[in-house]
Amino acid sequence: MTQTEMLLKRLPNDIGGLDGELIQRTEHELEPWEKRCHARADVLDNILFAKRILTPSELAAEMDEVAARWDQEPRP
């Protein structure tokens, strides 16, 4: 099966295992979808903190863990 045939048989959201562009980790004007994600994250944080399901220190620890994984992953 050729690459084109494989892509045609995939669902539009089925991109697992495909190479993608590098994530831009620079300051830039936020796209509308990014603004919505930030707004949802802010609301979710307020709810989780208010109900004491998650603490700010737990969130900070998780963010540090993700950042450490990012720094350790090999880049193409």
C-alpha atoms as a PDB file:
ATOM      1  CA  MET A   1       0.000   0.000   0.000  1.00  0.00           C
ATOM      2  CA  THR A   2       1.443   3.386  -0.948  1.00  0.00           C
ATOM      3  CA  GLN A   3       1.747   6.351   1.421  1.00  0.00           C
ATOM      4  CA  THR A   4      -1.082   8.127  -0.420  1.00  0.00           C
ATOM      5  CA  GLU A   5      -3.369   5.110  -0.148  1.00  0.00           C
ATOM      6  CA  MET A   6      -2.631   4.845   3.566  1.00  0.00           C
ATOM      7  CA  LEU A   7      -3.479   8.517   4.095  1.00  0.00           C
ATOM      8  CA  LEU A   8      -6.732   8.190   2.157  1.00  0.00           C
ATOM      9  CA  LYS A   9      -7.848   5.257   4.316  1.00  0.00           C
ATOM     10  CA  ARG A  10      -7.209   7.139   7.574  1.00  0.00           C
ATOM     11  CA  LEU A  11      -9.933   9.101   9.294  1.00  0.00           C
ATOM     12  CA  PRO A  12      -9.258  12.865   9.386  1.00  0.00           C
ATOM     13  CA  ASN A  13      -8.327  12.727  13.076  1.00  0.00           C
ATOM     14  CA  ASP A  14      -6.236   9.529  12.840  1.00  0.00           C
ATOM     15  CA  ILE A  15      -2.682  10.882  12.772  1.00  0.00           C
ATOM     16  CA  GLY A  16      -1.101   8.586  15.336  1.00  0.00           C
ATOM     17  CA  GLY A  17       2.439   7.634  14.412  1.00  0.00           C
ATOM     18  CA  LEU A  18       2.782  10.255  11.699  1.00  0.00           C
ATOM     19  CA  ASP A  19       5.575  12.792  11.869  1.00  0.00           C
ATOM     20  CA  GLY A  20       4.357  16.265  12.679  1.00  0.00           C
ATOM     21  CA  GLU A  21       5.776  19.747  12.741  1.00  0.00           C
ATOM     22  CA  LEU A  22       7.786  20.854  15.746  1.00  0.00           C
ATOM     23  CA  ILE A  23       5.787  22.670  18.393  1.00  0.00           C
ATOM     24  CA  GLN A  24       6.623  26.371  18.481  1.00  0.00           C
ATOM     25  CA  ARG A  25       7.627  27.178  22.044  1.00  0.00           C
ATOM     26  CA  THR A  26       8.040  30.898  21.471  1.00  0.00           C
ATOM     27  CA  GLU A  27       5.996  33.935  22.388  1.00  0.00           C
ATOM     28  CA  HIS A  28       3.403  34.647  19.719  1.00  0.00           C
ATOM     29  CA  GLU A  29      -0.050  36.122  19.396  1.00  0.00           C
ATOM     30  CA  LEU A  30      -2.527  33.471  20.453  1.00  0.00           C
ATOM     31  CA  GLU A  31      -4.752  31.887  17.841  1.00  0.00           C
ATOM     32  CA  PRO A  32      -8.485  31.751  18.636  1.00  0.00           C
ATOM     33  CA  TRP A  33      -8.292  28.041  19.543  1.00  0.00           C
ATOM     34  CA  GLU A  34      -5.409  28.761  21.927  1.00  0.00           C
ATOM     35  CA  LYS A  35      -7.435  31.481  23.652  1.00  0.00           C
ATOM     36  CA  ARG A  36     -10.333  29.042  24.117  1.00  0.00           C
ATOM     37  CA  CYS A  37      -7.972  26.413  25.550  1.00  0.00           C
ATOM     38  CA  HIS A  38      -6.491  28.910  28.001  1.00  0.00           C
ATOM     39  CA  ALA A  39      -9.957  30.051  29.062  1.00  0.00           C
ATOM     40  CA  ARG A  40     -11.109  26.456  29.629  1.00  0.00           C
ATOM     41  CA  ALA A  41      -7.945  25.676  31.568  1.00  0.00           C
ATOM     42  CA  ASP A  42      -8.484  28.733  33.770  1.00  0.00           C
ATOM     43  CA  VAL A  43     -12.076  27.737  34.533  1.00  0.00           C
ATOM     44  CA  LEU A  44     -11.092  24.134  35.174  1.00  0.00           C
ATOM     45  CA  ASP A  45      -8.275  25.226  37.497  1.00  0.00           C
ATOM     46  CA  ASN A  46     -10.685  27.441  39.484  1.00  0.00           C
ATOM     47  CA  ILE A  47     -13.158  24.574  39.829  1.00  0.00           C
ATOM     48  CA  LEU A  48     -10.517  22.008  40.806  1.00  0.00           C
ATOM     49  CA  PHE A  49      -8.921  24.396  43.292  1.00  0.00           C
ATOM     50  CA  ALA A  50     -12.269  25.480  44.752  1.00  0.00           C
ATOM     51  CA  LYS A  51     -13.362  21.869  45.293  1.00  0.00           C
ATOM     52  CA  ARG A  52      -9.901  20.993  46.623  1.00  0.00           C
ATOM     53  CA  ILE A  53      -9.496  18.213  44.078  1.00  0.00           C
ATOM     54  CA  LEU A  54      -6.186  19.718  42.983  1.00  0.00           C
ATOM     55  CA  THR A  55      -3.846  22.089  44.785  1.00  0.00           C
ATOM     56  CA  PRO A  56      -1.649  24.726  43.155  1.00  0.00           C
ATOM     57  CA  SER A  57       1.460  22.909  44.391  1.00  0.00           C
ATOM     58  CA  GLU A  58       0.282  19.624  42.822  1.00  0.00           C
ATOM     59  CA  LEU A  59      -0.340  21.419  39.546  1.00  0.00           C
ATOM     60  CA  ALA A  60       3.110  23.042  39.691  1.00  0.00           C
ATOM     61  CA  ALA A  61       4.729  19.657  40.334  1.00  0.00           C
ATOM     62  CA  GLU A  62       2.941  18.142  37.335  1.00  0.00           C
ATOM     63  CA  MET A  63       3.993  21.059  35.135  1.00  0.00           C
ATOM     64  CA  ASP A  64       7.614  20.628  36.244  1.00  0.00           C
ATOM     65  CA  GLU A  65       7.401  16.915  35.411  1.00  0.00           C
ATOM     66  CA  VAL A  66       6.078  17.648  31.910  1.00  0.00           C
ATOM     67  CA  ALA A  67       8.791  20.271  31.333  1.00  0.00           C
ATOM     68  CA  ALA A  68      11.465  17.775  32.425  1.00  0.00           C
ATOM     69  CA  ARG A  69      10.126  15.165  29.987  1.00  0.00           C
ATOM     70  CA  TRP A  70      10.152  17.761  27.206  1.00  0.00           C
ATOM     71  CA  ASP A  71      13.816  18.556  27.898  1.00  0.00           C
ATOM     72  CA  GLN A  72      14.768  14.843  27.847  1.00  0.00           C
ATOM     73  CA  GLU A  73      13.026  13.847  24.602  1.00  0.00           C
ATOM     74  CA  PRO A  74      15.276  13.529  21.550  1.00  0.00           C
ATOM     75  CA  ARG A  75      14.629  16.006  18.761  1.00  0.00           C
ATOM     76  CA  PRO A  76      14.819  15.191  15.039  1.00  0.00           C
END
